[in-house]
Amino acid sequence: MTEPQKPPQTDLPSSSSSAPTEFKPAGKSSAGFLGQKPHFPNPPDSRNPDPATLREQWRFAIRQYSRWYSQAWGSAILAGLSFFALGWVIKGGNPLPSFKPDDDSNNNDNPSSSVTADADARR
């Protein structure tokens, strides 16, 4: 079933060698100077896949995008409702001023309306 593991072979320099080993970092700058090609972890396909495979990949991508899109909208709606409820709890009432009930009976008690009525009466 499983192969016995072989101990890794190490090529260690002998202690008698007097030449120090040179260390070169494997950064982007060193690869450009040495003329080496960059190594990609997921290289592109050597040929285009058949249409059935492309169709299946496209359908999978559409399903994933649709799922992420709906989850984002759901999260945004849930966050909005949560902040609305938090504002209601903190304020102790409706936090949106546009939803205040209009009281027409308070207009007669409004001092600014009585000032305009007095100005009209003087004319």
PDB file of N, CA and C in Angstrom:
ATOM      1  N   MET A   1       0.807  -1.195   0.000  1.00  0.00           N
ATOM      2  CA  MET A   1       0.000   0.000   0.000  1.00  0.00           C
ATOM      3  C   MET A   1       0.851   1.259   0.000  1.00  0.00           C
ATOM      4  N   THR A   2       1.594   1.430   1.042  1.00  0.00           N
ATOM      5  CA  THR A   2       2.443   2.613   1.108  1.00  0.00           C
ATOM      6  C   THR A   2       3.891   2.185   0.981  1.00  0.00           C
ATOM      7  N   GLU A   3       4.638   3.025   0.333  1.00  0.00           N
ATOM      8  CA  GLU A   3       6.051   2.744   0.168  1.00  0.00           C
ATOM      9  C   GLU A   3       6.793   3.182   1.422  1.00  0.00           C
ATOM     10  N   PRO A   4       7.782   2.448   1.808  1.00  0.00           N
ATOM     11  CA  PRO A   4       8.561   2.892   2.975  1.00  0.00           C
ATOM     12  C   PRO A   4       9.286   4.184   2.631  1.00  0.00           C
ATOM     13  N   GLN A   5       9.299   5.070   3.561  1.00  0.00           N
ATOM     14  CA  GLN A   5       9.929   6.364   3.324  1.00  0.00           C
ATOM     15  C   GLN A   5      11.440   6.217   3.325  1.00  0.00           C
ATOM     16  N   LYS A   6      12.035   6.825   2.306  1.00  0.00           N
ATOM     17  CA  LYS A   6      13.485   6.797   2.208  1.00  0.00           C
ATOM     18  C   LYS A   6      14.033   8.036   2.896  1.00  0.00           C
ATOM     19  N   PRO A   7      15.119   7.906   3.600  1.00  0.00           N
ATOM     20  CA  PRO A   7      15.697   9.102   4.225  1.00  0.00           C
ATOM     21  C   PRO A   7      16.193  10.041   3.125  1.00  0.00           C
ATOM     22  N   PRO A   8      15.971  11.338   3.303  1.00  0.00           N
ATOM     23  CA  PRO A   8      16.406  12.291   2.277  1.00  0.00           C
ATOM     24  C   PRO A   8      17.923  12.312   2.173  1.00  0.00           C
ATOM     25  N   GLN A   9      18.382  12.344   0.934  1.00  0.00           N
ATOM     26  CA  GLN A   9      19.827  12.395   0.715  1.00  0.00           C
ATOM     27  C   GLN A   9      20.273  13.841   0.804  1.00  0.00           C
ATOM     28  N   THR A  10      21.280  14.051   1.559  1.00  0.00           N
ATOM     29  CA  THR A  10      21.794  15.409   1.708  1.00  0.00           C
ATOM     30  C   THR A  10      23.202  15.455   1.147  1.00  0.00           C
ATOM     31  N   ASP A  11      23.421  16.441   0.348  1.00  0.00           N
ATOM     32  CA  ASP A  11      24.753  16.648  -0.213  1.00  0.00           C
ATOM     33  C   ASP A  11      25.416  17.784   0.558  1.00  0.00           C
ATOM     34  N   LEU A  12      25.972  17.441   1.676  1.00  0.00           N
ATOM     35  CA  LEU A  12      26.633  18.438   2.502  1.00  0.00           C
ATOM     36  C   LEU A  12      28.078  18.581   2.061  1.00  0.00           C
ATOM     37  N   PRO A  13      28.562  19.803   2.023  1.00  0.00           N
ATOM     38  CA  PRO A  13      29.980  19.963   1.678  1.00  0.00           C
ATOM     39  C   PRO A  13      30.840  19.388   2.794  1.00  0.00           C
ATOM     40  N   SER A  14      31.940  18.859   2.384  1.00  0.00           N
ATOM     41  CA  SER A  14      32.827  18.280   3.397  1.00  0.00           C
ATOM     42  C   SER A  14      33.450  19.389   4.229  1.00  0.00           C
ATOM     43  N   SER A  15      33.784  19.039   5.432  1.00  0.00           N
ATOM     44  CA  SER A  15      34.341  20.040   6.329  1.00  0.00           C
ATOM     45  C   SER A  15      35.755  20.453   5.912  1.00  0.00           C
ATOM     46  N   SER A  16      36.376  19.662   5.021  1.00  0.00           N
ATOM     47  CA  SER A  16      37.738  19.979   4.613  1.00  0.00           C
ATOM     48  C   SER A  16      37.771  21.025   3.501  1.00  0.00           C
ATOM     49  N   SER A  17      36.612  21.311   2.848  1.00  0.00           N
ATOM     50  CA  SER A  17      36.658  22.292   1.762  1.00  0.00           C
ATOM     51  C   SER A  17      36.809  23.687   2.363  1.00  0.00           C
ATOM     52  N   SER A  18      37.702  24.461   1.775  1.00  0.00           N
ATOM     53  CA  SER A  18      37.962  25.783   2.316  1.00  0.00           C
ATOM     54  C   SER A  18      37.159  26.866   1.608  1.00  0.00           C
ATOM     55  N   ALA A  19      36.500  26.551   0.486  1.00  0.00           N
ATOM     56  CA  ALA A  19      35.745  27.551  -0.264  1.00  0.00           C
ATOM     57  C   ALA A  19      34.378  27.754   0.407  1.00  0.00           C
ATOM     58  N   PRO A  20      34.061  29.007   0.776  1.00  0.00           N
ATOM     59  CA  PRO A  20      32.760  29.244   1.389  1.00  0.00           C
ATOM     60  C   PRO A  20      31.656  29.154   0.334  1.00  0.00           C
ATOM     61  N   THR A  21      30.487  28.695   0.758  1.00  0.00           N
ATOM     62  CA  THR A  21      29.363  28.605  -0.173  1.00  0.00           C
ATOM     63  C   THR A  21      28.703  29.967  -0.275  1.00  0.00           C
ATOM     64  N   GLU A  22      28.269  30.311  -1.466  1.00  0.00           N
ATOM     65  CA  GLU A  22      27.660  31.621  -1.699  1.00  0.00           C
ATOM     66  C   GLU A  22      26.148  31.486  -1.610  1.00  0.00           C
ATOM     67  N   PHE A  23      25.528  32.365  -0.870  1.00  0.00           N
ATOM     68  CA  PHE A  23      24.068  32.353  -0.709  1.00  0.00           C
ATOM     69  C   PHE A  23      23.470  33.445  -1.567  1.00  0.00           C
ATOM     70  N   LYS A  24      22.501  33.088  -2.417  1.00  0.00           N
ATOM     71  CA  LYS A  24      21.813  34.061  -3.253  1.00  0.00           C
ATOM     72  C   LYS A  24      20.328  34.021  -2.896  1.00  0.00           C
ATOM     73  N   PRO A  25      19.775  35.144  -2.507  1.00  0.00           N
ATOM     74  CA  PRO A  25      18.345  35.153  -2.191  1.00  0.00           C
ATOM     75  C   PRO A  25      17.518  34.928  -3.455  1.00  0.00           C
ATOM     76  N   ALA A  26      16.382  34.292  -3.297  1.00  0.00           N
ATOM     77  CA  ALA A  26      15.520  33.964  -4.431  1.00  0.00           C
ATOM     78  C   ALA A  26      14.420  34.992  -4.589  1.00  0.00           C
ATOM     79  N   GLY A  27      14.761  36.264  -4.560  1.00  0.00           N
ATOM     80  CA  GLY A  27      13.785  37.338  -4.709  1.00  0.00           C
ATOM     81  C   GLY A  27      13.541  37.645  -6.175  1.00  0.00           C
ATOM     82  N   LYS A  28      12.645  38.588  -6.427  1.00  0.00           N
ATOM     83  CA  LYS A  28      12.316  38.960  -7.800  1.00  0.00           C
ATOM     84  C   LYS A  28      13.502  39.620  -8.490  1.00  0.00           C
ATOM     85  N   SER A  29      14.264  40.401  -7.745  1.00  0.00           N
ATOM     86  CA  SER A  29      15.373  41.122  -8.362  1.00  0.00           C
ATOM     87  C   SER A  29      16.479  40.168  -8.789  1.00  0.00           C
ATOM     88  N   SER A  30      16.713  39.111  -8.025  1.00  0.00           N
ATOM     89  CA  SER A  30      17.795  38.210  -8.385  1.00  0.00           C
ATOM     90  C   SER A  30      17.416  37.349  -9.584  1.00  0.00           C
ATOM     91  N   ALA A  31      16.127  37.030  -9.773  1.00  0.00           N
ATOM     92  CA  ALA A  31      15.716  36.208 -10.905  1.00  0.00           C
ATOM     93  C   ALA A  31      15.902  36.969 -12.211  1.00  0.00           C
ATOM     94  N   GLY A  32      15.699  38.276 -12.194  1.00  0.00           N
ATOM     95  CA  GLY A  32      15.853  39.077 -13.403  1.00  0.00           C
ATOM     96  C   GLY A  32      17.313  39.178 -13.828  1.00  0.00           C
ATOM     97  N   PHE A  33      18.215  39.244 -12.895  1.00  0.00           N
ATOM     98  CA  PHE A  33      19.625  39.385 -13.224  1.00  0.00           C
ATOM     99  C   PHE A  33      20.233  38.075 -13.694  1.00  0.00           C
ATOM    100  N   LEU A  34      19.704  36.970 -13.234  1.00  0.00           N
ATOM    101  CA  LEU A  34      20.268  35.685 -13.605  1.00  0.00           C
ATOM    102  C   LEU A  34      19.709  35.176 -14.923  1.00  0.00           C
ATOM    103  N   GLY A  35      18.682  35.838 -15.469  1.00  0.00           N
ATOM    104  CA  GLY A  35      18.106  35.410 -16.731  1.00  0.00           C
ATOM    105  C   GLY A  35      17.186  34.211 -16.582  1.00  0.00           C
ATOM    106  N   GLN A  36      16.703  33.948 -15.391  1.00  0.00           N
ATOM    107  CA  GLN A  36      15.810  32.820 -15.172  1.00  0.00           C
ATOM    108  C   GLN A  36      14.367  33.243 -15.370  1.00  0.00           C
ATOM    109  N   LYS A  37      13.557  32.322 -15.842  1.00  0.00           N
ATOM    110  CA  LYS A  37      12.131  32.585 -15.974  1.00  0.00           C
ATOM    111  C   LYS A  37      11.482  32.471 -14.593  1.00  0.00           C
ATOM    112  N   PRO A  38      10.465  33.313 -14.330  1.00  0.00           N
ATOM    113  CA  PRO A  38       9.772  33.158 -13.054  1.00  0.00           C
ATOM    114  C   PRO A  38       8.950  31.871 -13.063  1.00  0.00           C
ATOM    115  N   HIS A  39       8.874  31.238 -11.936  1.00  0.00           N
ATOM    116  CA  HIS A  39       8.118  29.985 -11.808  1.00  0.00           C
ATOM    117  C   HIS A  39       6.712  30.303 -11.328  1.00  0.00           C
ATOM    118  N   PHE A  40       5.715  29.894 -12.113  1.00  0.00           N
ATOM    119  CA  PHE A  40       4.332  30.102 -11.736  1.00  0.00           C
ATOM    120  C   PHE A  40       3.797  28.845 -11.051  1.00  0.00           C
ATOM    121  N   PRO A  41       3.103  28.995  -9.917  1.00  0.00           N
ATOM    122  CA  PRO A  41       2.608  27.815  -9.220  1.00  0.00           C
ATOM    123  C   PRO A  41       1.477  27.116  -9.987  1.00  0.00           C
ATOM    124  N   ASN A  42       0.754  27.850 -10.826  1.00  0.00           N
ATOM    125  CA  ASN A  42      -0.341  27.263 -11.590  1.00  0.00           C
ATOM    126  C   ASN A  42      -0.172  27.682 -13.051  1.00  0.00           C
ATOM    127  N   PRO A  43       0.616  26.955 -13.813  1.00  0.00           N
ATOM    128  CA  PRO A  43       0.885  27.383 -15.183  1.00  0.00           C
ATOM    129  C   PRO A  43      -0.367  27.264 -16.057  1.00  0.00           C
ATOM    130  N   PRO A  44      -0.445  28.038 -17.137  1.00  0.00           N
ATOM    131  CA  PRO A  44      -1.602  27.944 -18.018  1.00  0.00           C
ATOM    132  C   PRO A  44      -1.616  26.614 -18.776  1.00  0.00           C
ATOM    133  N   ASP A  45      -2.808  26.250 -19.260  1.00  0.00           N
ATOM    134  CA  ASP A  45      -2.926  25.016 -20.024  1.00  0.00           C
ATOM    135  C   ASP A  45      -2.166  25.135 -21.338  1.00  0.00           C
ATOM    136  N   SER A  46      -1.639  24.028 -21.795  1.00  0.00           N
ATOM    137  CA  SER A  46      -0.897  24.048 -23.049  1.00  0.00           C
ATOM    138  C   SER A  46      -1.842  24.142 -24.243  1.00  0.00           C
ATOM    139  N   ARG A  47      -3.093  23.727 -24.090  1.00  0.00           N
ATOM    140  CA  ARG A  47      -4.086  23.847 -25.161  1.00  0.00           C
ATOM    141  C   ARG A  47      -5.428  24.211 -24.534  1.00  0.00           C
ATOM    142  N   ASN A  48      -6.331  24.715 -25.352  1.00  0.00           N
ATOM    143  CA  ASN A  48      -7.655  25.089 -24.854  1.00  0.00           C
ATOM    144  C   ASN A  48      -8.472  23.834 -24.546  1.00  0.00           C
ATOM    145  N   PRO A  49      -9.223  23.865 -23.434  1.00  0.00           N
ATOM    146  CA  PRO A  49     -10.056  22.695 -23.127  1.00  0.00           C
ATOM    147  C   PRO A  49     -11.234  22.594 -24.096  1.00  0.00           C
ATOM    148  N   ASP A  50     -11.853  21.442 -24.103  1.00  0.00           N
ATOM    149  CA  ASP A  50     -12.974  21.230 -25.020  1.00  0.00           C
ATOM    150  C   ASP A  50     -14.177  22.078 -24.590  1.00  0.00           C
ATOM    151  N   PRO A  51     -15.126  22.318 -25.490  1.00  0.00           N
ATOM    152  CA  PRO A  51     -16.262  23.189 -25.186  1.00  0.00           C
ATOM    153  C   PRO A  51     -17.117  22.727 -24.014  1.00  0.00           C
ATOM    154  N   ALA A  52     -17.235  21.437 -23.812  1.00  0.00           N
ATOM    155  CA  ALA A  52     -18.042  20.938 -22.687  1.00  0.00           C
ATOM    156  C   ALA A  52     -17.406  21.340 -21.347  1.00  0.00           C
ATOM    157  N   THR A  53     -16.107  21.257 -21.271  1.00  0.00           N
ATOM    158  CA  THR A  53     -15.409  21.652 -20.041  1.00  0.00           C
ATOM    159  C   THR A  53     -15.536  23.154 -19.810  1.00  0.00           C
ATOM    160  N   LEU A  54     -15.370  23.926 -20.874  1.00  0.00           N
ATOM    161  CA  LEU A  54     -15.520  25.380 -20.736  1.00  0.00           C
ATOM    162  C   LEU A  54     -16.936  25.749 -20.294  1.00  0.00           C
ATOM    163  N   ARG A  55     -17.936  25.082 -20.850  1.00  0.00           N
ATOM    164  CA  ARG A  55     -19.324  25.352 -20.484  1.00  0.00           C
ATOM    165  C   ARG A  55     -19.557  25.036 -19.007  1.00  0.00           C
ATOM    166  N   GLU A  56     -19.014  23.907 -18.551  1.00  0.00           N
ATOM    167  CA  GLU A  56     -19.181  23.532 -17.142  1.00  0.00           C
ATOM    168  C   GLU A  56     -18.458  24.521 -16.227  1.00  0.00           C
ATOM    169  N   GLN A  57     -17.277  24.966 -16.606  1.00  0.00           N
ATOM    170  CA  GLN A  57     -16.554  25.949 -15.796  1.00  0.00           C
ATOM    171  C   GLN A  57     -17.298  27.273 -15.761  1.00  0.00           C
ATOM    172  N   TRP A  58     -17.880  27.666 -16.882  1.00  0.00           N
ATOM    173  CA  TRP A  58     -18.631  28.913 -16.945  1.00  0.00           C
ATOM    174  C   TRP A  58     -19.869  28.852 -16.054  1.00  0.00           C
ATOM    175  N   ARG A  59     -20.574  27.725 -16.103  1.00  0.00           N
ATOM    176  CA  ARG A  59     -21.760  27.560 -15.250  1.00  0.00           C
ATOM    177  C   ARG A  59     -21.387  27.582 -13.776  1.00  0.00           C
ATOM    178  N   PHE A  60     -20.289  26.934 -13.435  1.00  0.00           N
ATOM    179  CA  PHE A  60     -19.831  26.939 -12.044  1.00  0.00           C
ATOM    180  C   PHE A  60     -19.492  28.363 -11.602  1.00  0.00           C
ATOM    181  N   ALA A  61     -18.822  29.131 -12.472  1.00  0.00           N
ATOM    182  CA  ALA A  61     -18.456  30.507 -12.121  1.00  0.00           C
ATOM    183  C   ALA A  61     -19.696  31.366 -11.937  1.00  0.00           C
ATOM    184  N   ILE A  62     -20.707  31.173 -12.780  1.00  0.00           N
ATOM    185  CA  ILE A  62     -21.949  31.944 -12.640  1.00  0.00           C
ATOM    186  C   ILE A  62     -22.651  31.596 -11.334  1.00  0.00           C
ATOM    187  N   ARG A  63     -22.682  30.311 -10.990  1.00  0.00           N
ATOM    188  CA  ARG A  63     -23.306  29.904  -9.710  1.00  0.00           C
ATOM    189  C   ARG A  63     -22.574  30.512  -8.527  1.00  0.00           C
ATOM    190  N   GLN A  64     -21.253  30.483  -8.561  1.00  0.00           N
ATOM    191  CA  GLN A  64     -20.471  31.053  -7.462  1.00  0.00           C
ATOM    192  C   GLN A  64     -20.709  32.552  -7.345  1.00  0.00           C
ATOM    193  N   TYR A  65     -20.674  33.263  -8.459  1.00  0.00           N
ATOM    194  CA  TYR A  65     -20.885  34.704  -8.425  1.00  0.00           C
ATOM    195  C   TYR A  65     -22.284  35.032  -7.914  1.00  0.00           C
ATOM    196  N   SER A  66     -23.282  34.284  -8.375  1.00  0.00           N
ATOM    197  CA  SER A  66     -24.656  34.530  -7.922  1.00  0.00           C
ATOM    198  C   SER A  66     -24.774  34.301  -6.420  1.00  0.00           C
ATOM    199  N   ARG A  67     -24.120  33.285  -5.930  1.00  0.00           N
ATOM    200  CA  ARG A  67     -24.176  32.999  -4.493  1.00  0.00           C
ATOM    201  C   ARG A  67     -23.514  34.119  -3.697  1.00  0.00           C
ATOM    202  N   TRP A  68     -22.344  34.570  -4.149  1.00  0.00           N
ATOM    203  CA  TRP A  68     -21.637  35.643  -3.441  1.00  0.00           C
ATOM    204  C   TRP A  68     -22.420  36.943  -3.498  1.00  0.00           C
ATOM    205  N   TYR A  69     -23.042  37.219  -4.646  1.00  0.00           N
ATOM    206  CA  TYR A  69     -23.812  38.450  -4.812  1.00  0.00           C
ATOM    207  C   TYR A  69     -25.010  38.466  -3.872  1.00  0.00           C
ATOM    208  N   SER A  70     -25.717  37.361  -3.803  1.00  0.00           N
ATOM    209  CA  SER A  70     -26.891  37.316  -2.926  1.00  0.00           C
ATOM    210  C   SER A  70     -26.479  37.352  -1.460  1.00  0.00           C
ATOM    211  N   GLN A  71     -25.365  36.720  -1.131  1.00  0.00           N
ATOM    212  CA  GLN A  71     -24.899  36.780   0.254  1.00  0.00           C
ATOM    213  C   GLN A  71     -24.479  38.191   0.630  1.00  0.00           C
ATOM    214  N   ALA A  72     -23.894  38.924  -0.299  1.00  0.00           N
ATOM    215  CA  ALA A  72     -23.495  40.305  -0.011  1.00  0.00           C
ATOM    216  C   ALA A  72     -24.726  41.175   0.223  1.00  0.00           C
ATOM    217  N   TRP A  73     -25.760  41.023  -0.616  1.00  0.00           N
ATOM    218  CA  TRP A  73     -26.981  41.799  -0.411  1.00  0.00           C
ATOM    219  C   TRP A  73     -27.660  41.422   0.899  1.00  0.00           C
ATOM    220  N   GLY A  74     -27.687  40.145   1.209  1.00  0.00           N
ATOM    221  CA  GLY A  74     -28.279  39.710   2.474  1.00  0.00           C
ATOM    222  C   GLY A  74     -27.540  40.283   3.667  1.00  0.00           C
ATOM    223  N   SER A  75     -26.230  40.299   3.588  1.00  0.00           N
ATOM    224  CA  SER A  75     -25.436  40.866   4.687  1.00  0.00           C
ATOM    225  C   SER A  75     -25.676  42.366   4.818  1.00  0.00           C
ATOM    226  N   ALA A  76     -25.790  43.066   3.686  1.00  0.00           N
ATOM    227  CA  ALA A  76     -26.019  44.511   3.731  1.00  0.00           C
ATOM    228  C   ALA A  76     -27.394  44.823   4.333  1.00  0.00           C
ATOM    229  N   ILE A  77     -28.402  44.060   3.948  1.00  0.00           N
ATOM    230  CA  ILE A  77     -29.746  44.285   4.502  1.00  0.00           C
ATOM    231  C   ILE A  77     -29.764  43.983   5.993  1.00  0.00           C
ATOM    232  N   LEU A  78     -29.122  42.898   6.384  1.00  0.00           N
ATOM    233  CA  LEU A  78     -29.071  42.540   7.806  1.00  0.00           C
ATOM    234  C   LEU A  78     -28.330  43.601   8.610  1.00  0.00           C
ATOM    235  N   ALA A  79     -27.246  44.137   8.068  1.00  0.00           N
ATOM    236  CA  ALA A  79     -26.502  45.189   8.767  1.00  0.00           C
ATOM    237  C   ALA A  79     -27.350  46.455   8.886  1.00  0.00           C
ATOM    238  N   GLY A  80     -28.082  46.809   7.829  1.00  0.00           N
ATOM    239  CA  GLY A  80     -28.939  47.985   7.889  1.00  0.00           C
ATOM    240  C   GLY A  80     -30.035  47.842   8.931  1.00  0.00           C
ATOM    241  N   LEU A  81     -30.659  46.691   8.967  1.00  0.00           N
ATOM    242  CA  LEU A  81     -31.701  46.468   9.977  1.00  0.00           C
ATOM    243  C   LEU A  81     -31.117  46.466  11.391  1.00  0.00           C
ATOM    244  N   SER A  82     -29.927  45.918  11.520  1.00  0.00           N
ATOM    245  CA  SER A  82     -29.288  45.890  12.843  1.00  0.00           C
ATOM    246  C   SER A  82     -28.975  47.301  13.334  1.00  0.00           C
ATOM    247  N   PHE A  83     -28.445  48.144  12.446  1.00  0.00           N
ATOM    248  CA  PHE A  83     -28.142  49.520  12.854  1.00  0.00           C
ATOM    249  C   PHE A  83     -29.412  50.320  13.125  1.00  0.00           C
ATOM    250  N   PHE A  84     -30.471  50.042  12.365  1.00  0.00           N
ATOM    251  CA  PHE A  84     -31.744  50.710  12.624  1.00  0.00           C
ATOM    252  C   PHE A  84     -32.264  50.318  14.010  1.00  0.00           C
ATOM    253  N   ALA A  85     -32.206  49.012  14.329  1.00  0.00           N
ATOM    254  CA  ALA A  85     -32.661  48.547  15.639  1.00  0.00           C
ATOM    255  C   ALA A  85     -31.782  49.112  16.748  1.00  0.00           C
ATOM    256  N   LEU A  86     -30.481  49.199  16.510  1.00  0.00           N
ATOM    257  CA  LEU A  86     -29.585  49.765  17.519  1.00  0.00           C
ATOM    258  C   LEU A  86     -29.904  51.237  17.753  1.00  0.00           C
ATOM    259  N   GLY A  87     -30.185  51.978  16.690  1.00  0.00           N
ATOM    260  CA  GLY A  87     -30.574  53.374  16.843  1.00  0.00           C
ATOM    261  C   GLY A  87     -31.887  53.521  17.578  1.00  0.00           C
ATOM    262  N   TRP A  88     -32.814  52.612  17.334  1.00  0.00           N
ATOM    263  CA  TRP A  88     -34.107  52.641  18.022  1.00  0.00           C
ATOM    264  C   TRP A  88     -33.907  52.415  19.517  1.00  0.00           C
ATOM    265  N   VAL A  89     -33.026  51.461  19.868  1.00  0.00           N
ATOM    266  CA  VAL A  89     -32.776  51.157  21.281  1.00  0.00           C
ATOM    267  C   VAL A  89     -32.069  52.326  21.954  1.00  0.00           C
ATOM    268  N   ILE A  90     -31.079  52.914  21.286  1.00  0.00           N
ATOM    269  CA  ILE A  90     -30.326  54.008  21.895  1.00  0.00           C
ATOM    270  C   ILE A  90     -31.205  55.244  22.063  1.00  0.00           C
ATOM    271  N   LYS A  91     -31.965  55.589  21.039  1.00  0.00           N
ATOM    272  CA  LYS A  91     -32.780  56.792  21.091  1.00  0.00           C
ATOM    273  C   LYS A  91     -34.045  56.583  21.916  1.00  0.00           C
ATOM    274  N   GLY A  92     -34.526  55.372  21.951  1.00  0.00           N
ATOM    275  CA  GLY A  92     -35.757  55.098  22.674  1.00  0.00           C
ATOM    276  C   GLY A  92     -36.987  55.341  21.821  1.00  0.00           C
ATOM    277  N   GLY A  93     -36.826  55.464  20.549  1.00  0.00           N
ATOM    278  CA  GLY A  93     -37.934  55.691  19.636  1.00  0.00           C
ATOM    279  C   GLY A  93     -37.445  55.545  18.211  1.00  0.00           C
ATOM    280  N   ASN A  94     -38.253  55.969  17.267  1.00  0.00           N
ATOM    281  CA  ASN A  94     -37.900  55.845  15.866  1.00  0.00           C
ATOM    282  C   ASN A  94     -36.734  56.771  15.533  1.00  0.00           C
ATOM    283  N   PRO A  95     -35.616  56.210  15.043  1.00  0.00           N
ATOM    284  CA  PRO A  95     -34.453  57.055  14.770  1.00  0.00           C
ATOM    285  C   PRO A  95     -34.546  57.840  13.457  1.00  0.00           C
ATOM    286  N   LEU A  96     -35.518  57.545  12.603  1.00  0.00           N
ATOM    287  CA  LEU A  96     -35.641  58.263  11.344  1.00  0.00           C
ATOM    288  C   LEU A  96     -36.627  59.403  11.484  1.00  0.00           C
ATOM    289  N   PRO A  97     -36.185  60.632  11.282  1.00  0.00           N
ATOM    290  CA  PRO A  97     -37.094  61.765  11.455  1.00  0.00           C
ATOM    291  C   PRO A  97     -38.180  61.820  10.378  1.00  0.00           C
ATOM    292  N   SER A  98     -37.989  61.170   9.243  1.00  0.00           N
ATOM    293  CA  SER A  98     -38.991  61.231   8.186  1.00  0.00           C
ATOM    294  C   SER A  98     -40.229  60.414   8.526  1.00  0.00           C
ATOM    295  N   PHE A  99     -40.130  59.541   9.505  1.00  0.00           N
ATOM    296  CA  PHE A  99     -41.275  58.727   9.892  1.00  0.00           C
ATOM    297  C   PHE A  99     -42.027  59.288  11.086  1.00  0.00           C
ATOM    298  N   LYS A 100     -41.775  60.548  11.444  1.00  0.00           N
ATOM    299  CA  LYS A 100     -42.500  61.157  12.556  1.00  0.00           C
ATOM    300  C   LYS A 100     -43.928  61.446  12.115  1.00  0.00           C
ATOM    301  N   PRO A 101     -44.885  61.227  12.969  1.00  0.00           N
ATOM    302  CA  PRO A 101     -46.270  61.539  12.582  1.00  0.00           C
ATOM    303  C   PRO A 101     -46.465  63.045  12.495  1.00  0.00           C
ATOM    304  N   ASP A 102     -47.212  63.506  11.481  1.00  0.00           N
ATOM    305  CA  ASP A 102     -47.512  64.923  11.320  1.00  0.00           C
ATOM    306  C   ASP A 102     -48.710  65.272  12.188  1.00  0.00           C
ATOM    307  N   ASP A 103     -48.518  66.224  13.090  1.00  0.00           N
ATOM    308  CA  ASP A 103     -49.614  66.684  13.951  1.00  0.00           C
ATOM    309  C   ASP A 103     -50.060  68.044  13.450  1.00  0.00           C
ATOM    310  N   ASP A 104     -51.268  68.097  12.853  1.00  0.00           N
ATOM    311  CA  ASP A 104     -51.800  69.369  12.372  1.00  0.00           C
ATOM    312  C   ASP A 104     -52.317  70.219  13.523  1.00  0.00           C
ATOM    313  N   SER A 105     -52.623  69.596  14.644  1.00  0.00           N
ATOM    314  CA  SER A 105     -53.137  70.349  15.790  1.00  0.00           C
ATOM    315  C   SER A 105     -52.050  71.215  16.414  1.00  0.00           C
ATOM    316  N   ASN A 106     -50.784  70.865  16.224  1.00  0.00           N
ATOM    317  CA  ASN A 106     -49.685  71.644  16.797  1.00  0.00           C
ATOM    318  C   ASN A 106     -49.417  72.914  16.007  1.00  0.00           C
ATOM    319  N   ASN A 107     -49.931  73.019  14.789  1.00  0.00           N
ATOM    320  CA  ASN A 107     -49.673  74.211  13.982  1.00  0.00           C
ATOM    321  C   ASN A 107     -50.318  75.451  14.599  1.00  0.00           C
ATOM    322  N   ASN A 108     -51.448  75.338  15.285  1.00  0.00           N
ATOM    323  CA  ASN A 108     -52.098  76.478  15.930  1.00  0.00           C
ATOM    324  C   ASN A 108     -51.312  76.966  17.129  1.00  0.00           C
ATOM    325  N   ASP A 109     -50.593  76.071  17.771  1.00  0.00           N
ATOM    326  CA  ASP A 109     -49.805  76.448  18.942  1.00  0.00           C
ATOM    327  C   ASP A 109     -48.422  76.947  18.559  1.00  0.00           C
ATOM    328  N   ASN A 110     -48.070  76.889  17.286  1.00  0.00           N
ATOM    329  CA  ASN A 110     -46.753  77.288  16.821  1.00  0.00           C
ATOM    330  C   ASN A 110     -46.618  78.810  16.890  1.00  0.00           C
ATOM    331  N   PRO A 111     -45.641  79.337  17.622  1.00  0.00           N
ATOM    332  CA  PRO A 111     -45.503  80.789  17.760  1.00  0.00           C
ATOM    333  C   PRO A 111     -45.160  81.467  16.442  1.00  0.00           C
ATOM    334  N   SER A 112     -44.478  80.828  15.539  1.00  0.00           N
ATOM    335  CA  SER A 112     -44.124  81.477  14.281  1.00  0.00           C
ATOM    336  C   SER A 112     -45.363  81.702  13.421  1.00  0.00           C
ATOM    337  N   SER A 113     -46.348  80.823  13.512  1.00  0.00           N
ATOM    338  CA  SER A 113     -47.562  81.025  12.726  1.00  0.00           C
ATOM    339  C   SER A 113     -48.393  82.173  13.300  1.00  0.00           C
ATOM    340  N   SER A 114     -48.352  82.371  14.620  1.00  0.00           N
ATOM    341  CA  SER A 114     -49.105  83.474  15.209  1.00  0.00           C
ATOM    342  C   SER A 114     -48.458  84.816  14.870  1.00  0.00           C
ATOM    343  N   VAL A 115     -47.122  84.837  14.687  1.00  0.00           N
ATOM    344  CA  VAL A 115     -46.434  86.063  14.316  1.00  0.00           C
ATOM    345  C   VAL A 115     -46.858  86.475  12.908  1.00  0.00           C
ATOM    346  N   THR A 116     -46.950  85.538  12.009  1.00  0.00           N
ATOM    347  CA  THR A 116     -47.369  85.875  10.645  1.00  0.00           C
ATOM    348  C   THR A 116     -48.836  86.280  10.613  1.00  0.00           C
ATOM    349  N   ALA A 117     -49.646  85.699  11.492  1.00  0.00           N
ATOM    350  CA  ALA A 117     -51.057  86.073  11.537  1.00  0.00           C
ATOM    351  C   ALA A 117     -51.206  87.517  12.055  1.00  0.00           C
ATOM    352  N   ASP A 118     -50.386  87.907  13.051  1.00  0.00           N
ATOM    353  CA  ASP A 118     -50.441  89.283  13.560  1.00  0.00           C
ATOM    354  C   ASP A 118     -49.986  90.277  12.499  1.00  0.00           C
ATOM    355  N   ALA A 119     -48.957  89.895  11.724  1.00  0.00           N
ATOM    356  CA  ALA A 119     -48.471  90.790  10.673  1.00  0.00           C
ATOM    357  C   ALA A 119     -49.532  90.973   9.601  1.00  0.00           C
ATOM    358  N   ASP A 120     -50.289  89.944   9.294  1.00  0.00           N
ATOM    359  CA  ASP A 120     -51.358  90.053   8.293  1.00  0.00           C
ATOM    360  C   ASP A 120     -52.499  90.917   8.832  1.00  0.00           C
ATOM    361  N   ALA A 121     -52.758  90.845  10.134  1.00  0.00           N
ATOM    362  CA  ALA A 121     -53.867  91.591  10.720  1.00  0.00           C
ATOM    363  C   ALA A 121     -53.550  93.102  10.745  1.00  0.00           C
ATOM    364  N   ARG A 122     -52.278  93.465  10.867  1.00  0.00           N
ATOM    365  CA  ARG A 122     -51.893  94.869  10.913  1.00  0.00           C
ATOM    366  C   ARG A 122     -52.010  95.555   9.567  1.00  0.00           C
ATOM    367  N   ARG A 123     -51.955  94.838   8.519  1.00  0.00           N
ATOM    368  CA  ARG A 123     -52.002  95.434   7.170  1.00  0.00           C
ATOM    369  C   ARG A 123     -53.338  95.931   6.904  1.00  0.00           C
TER     370      ARG A 123
END
